[in-house]
Amino acid sequence: MRSKKARIAEKERRARRSFTDDVGRDVVRLCQAGDERISEVASGLDLTGSAVRNRVKKAEQEAQGGGAQAGVTTSERGTAAAST
């Protein structure tokens, strides 16, 4: 019997993907609608649960004006960083 580490090492790592802000907002809306759990939304969209949870958490922080740069969205921070 192979060890758990050996089985994990044999699995092919998923290529990193990126999504538009529109897709992220749609994912957040699905989760906040409450019809499905985050894990179900993630599975249905072929995403990892942690990616969906992180997206929902970030949206909640932005909606509350929290974080180090309160009131600034992620895309605005990216634009500001690119212009400096």
C-alpha atoms as a PDB file:
ATOM      1  CA  MET A   1       0.000   0.000   0.000  1.00  0.00           C
ATOM      2  CA  ARG A   2       1.374   3.396  -1.024  1.00  0.00           C
ATOM      3  CA  SER A   3       1.594   6.248   1.420  1.00  0.00           C
ATOM      4  CA  LYS A   4      -0.736   9.219   1.210  1.00  0.00           C
ATOM      5  CA  LYS A   5       2.178  11.445   0.160  1.00  0.00           C
ATOM      6  CA  ALA A   6       2.991   9.121  -2.735  1.00  0.00           C
ATOM      7  CA  ARG A   7      -0.625   9.162  -3.951  1.00  0.00           C
ATOM      8  CA  ILE A   8      -0.776  12.955  -3.745  1.00  0.00           C
ATOM      9  CA  ALA A   9       2.526  13.318  -5.598  1.00  0.00           C
ATOM     10  CA  GLU A  10       1.189  11.144  -8.414  1.00  0.00           C
ATOM     11  CA  LYS A  11      -1.884  13.328  -8.913  1.00  0.00           C
ATOM     12  CA  GLU A  12      -1.501  15.847 -11.658  1.00  0.00           C
ATOM     13  CA  ARG A  13      -1.631  19.390 -10.345  1.00  0.00           C
ATOM     14  CA  ARG A  14      -4.454  21.547 -11.738  1.00  0.00           C
ATOM     15  CA  ALA A  15      -3.283  24.414 -13.905  1.00  0.00           C
ATOM     16  CA  ARG A  16      -3.846  27.801 -12.291  1.00  0.00           C
ATOM     17  CA  ARG A  17      -6.768  29.657 -13.838  1.00  0.00           C
ATOM     18  CA  SER A  18      -7.899  33.235 -13.590  1.00  0.00           C
ATOM     19  CA  PHE A  19     -11.364  34.677 -13.950  1.00  0.00           C
ATOM     20  CA  THR A  20     -12.834  38.061 -14.726  1.00  0.00           C
ATOM     21  CA  ASP A  21     -14.405  40.167 -11.999  1.00  0.00           C
ATOM     22  CA  ASP A  22     -17.822  39.456 -13.561  1.00  0.00           C
ATOM     23  CA  VAL A  23     -17.375  35.720 -13.066  1.00  0.00           C
ATOM     24  CA  GLY A  24     -16.252  36.334  -9.484  1.00  0.00           C
ATOM     25  CA  ARG A  25     -19.344  38.405  -8.767  1.00  0.00           C
ATOM     26  CA  ASP A  26     -21.538  35.646 -10.211  1.00  0.00           C
ATOM     27  CA  VAL A  27     -19.865  33.074  -7.959  1.00  0.00           C
ATOM     28  CA  VAL A  28     -20.426  35.300  -4.925  1.00  0.00           C
ATOM     29  CA  ARG A  29     -24.092  35.822  -5.858  1.00  0.00           C
ATOM     30  CA  LEU A  30     -24.629  32.074  -6.146  1.00  0.00           C
ATOM     31  CA  CYS A  31     -23.126  31.535  -2.698  1.00  0.00           C
ATOM     32  CA  GLN A  32     -25.014  34.379  -1.062  1.00  0.00           C
ATOM     33  CA  ALA A  33     -28.339  33.263  -2.544  1.00  0.00           C
ATOM     34  CA  GLY A  34     -28.201  30.440  -0.009  1.00  0.00           C
ATOM     35  CA  ASP A  35     -29.680  27.765  -2.264  1.00  0.00           C
ATOM     36  CA  GLU A  36     -26.448  25.748  -2.222  1.00  0.00           C
ATOM     37  CA  ARG A  37     -23.478  25.367   0.078  1.00  0.00           C
ATOM     38  CA  ILE A  38     -20.149  26.834  -1.027  1.00  0.00           C
ATOM     39  CA  SER A  39     -18.804  23.338  -1.673  1.00  0.00           C
ATOM     40  CA  GLU A  40     -21.752  22.612  -3.972  1.00  0.00           C
ATOM     41  CA  VAL A  41     -21.262  25.860  -5.902  1.00  0.00           C
ATOM     42  CA  ALA A  42     -17.550  25.106  -6.245  1.00  0.00           C
ATOM     43  CA  SER A  43     -18.175  21.573  -7.432  1.00  0.00           C
ATOM     44  CA  GLY A  44     -20.795  22.676  -9.930  1.00  0.00           C
ATOM     45  CA  LEU A  45     -18.401  25.231 -11.446  1.00  0.00           C
ATOM     46  CA  ASP A  46     -15.329  22.956 -11.331  1.00  0.00           C
ATOM     47  CA  LEU A  47     -13.593  25.240  -8.826  1.00  0.00           C
ATOM     48  CA  THR A  48     -11.898  24.463  -5.548  1.00  0.00           C
ATOM     49  CA  GLY A  49     -13.818  25.171  -2.377  1.00  0.00           C
ATOM     50  CA  SER A  50     -11.030  27.389  -1.080  1.00  0.00           C
ATOM     51  CA  ALA A  51     -11.088  29.545  -4.227  1.00  0.00           C
ATOM     52  CA  VAL A  52     -14.822  30.129  -3.823  1.00  0.00           C
ATOM     53  CA  ARG A  53     -14.556  30.759  -0.063  1.00  0.00           C
ATOM     54  CA  ASN A  54     -11.736  33.254  -0.633  1.00  0.00           C
ATOM     55  CA  ARG A  55     -13.755  35.068  -3.313  1.00  0.00           C
ATOM     56  CA  VAL A  56     -16.806  35.281  -1.009  1.00  0.00           C
ATOM     57  CA  LYS A  57     -14.681  36.451   1.926  1.00  0.00           C
ATOM     58  CA  LYS A  58     -13.029  39.149  -0.201  1.00  0.00           C
ATOM     59  CA  ALA A  59     -16.420  40.359  -1.477  1.00  0.00           C
ATOM     60  CA  GLU A  60     -17.754  40.568   2.084  1.00  0.00           C
ATOM     61  CA  GLN A  61     -14.712  42.549   3.224  1.00  0.00           C
ATOM     62  CA  GLU A  62     -15.045  44.963   0.305  1.00  0.00           C
ATOM     63  CA  ALA A  63     -18.772  45.387   0.971  1.00  0.00           C
ATOM     64  CA  GLN A  64     -18.061  46.274   4.612  1.00  0.00           C
ATOM     65  CA  GLY A  65     -15.213  48.614   3.708  1.00  0.00           C
ATOM     66  CA  GLY A  66     -12.750  46.450   5.626  1.00  0.00           C
ATOM     67  CA  GLY A  67      -9.170  45.581   4.960  1.00  0.00           C
ATOM     68  CA  ALA A  68      -6.004  47.620   4.781  1.00  0.00           C
ATOM     69  CA  GLN A  69      -7.372  49.849   1.996  1.00  0.00           C
ATOM     70  CA  ALA A  70     -10.971  50.450   3.046  1.00  0.00           C
ATOM     71  CA  GLY A  71     -13.308  51.527   0.279  1.00  0.00           C
ATOM     72  CA  VAL A  72     -10.985  50.459  -2.532  1.00  0.00           C
ATOM     73  CA  THR A  73     -11.945  47.441  -4.609  1.00  0.00           C
ATOM     74  CA  THR A  74      -9.476  44.801  -5.715  1.00  0.00           C
ATOM     75  CA  SER A  75      -9.600  46.012  -9.322  1.00  0.00           C
ATOM     76  CA  GLU A  76      -8.975  49.609  -8.208  1.00  0.00           C
ATOM     77  CA  ARG A  77      -5.939  48.487  -6.195  1.00  0.00           C
ATOM     78  CA  GLY A  78      -4.629  46.689  -9.287  1.00  0.00           C
ATOM     79  CA  THR A  79      -5.124  49.793 -11.426  1.00  0.00           C
ATOM     80  CA  ALA A  80      -3.393  51.976  -8.844  1.00  0.00           C
ATOM     81  CA  ALA A  81      -0.469  49.566  -8.577  1.00  0.00           C
ATOM     82  CA  ALA A  82      -0.083  49.413 -12.358  1.00  0.00           C
ATOM     83  CA  SER A  83       0.023  53.203 -12.652  1.00  0.00           C
ATOM     84  CA  THR A  84       2.835  53.642 -10.102  1.00  0.00           C
END
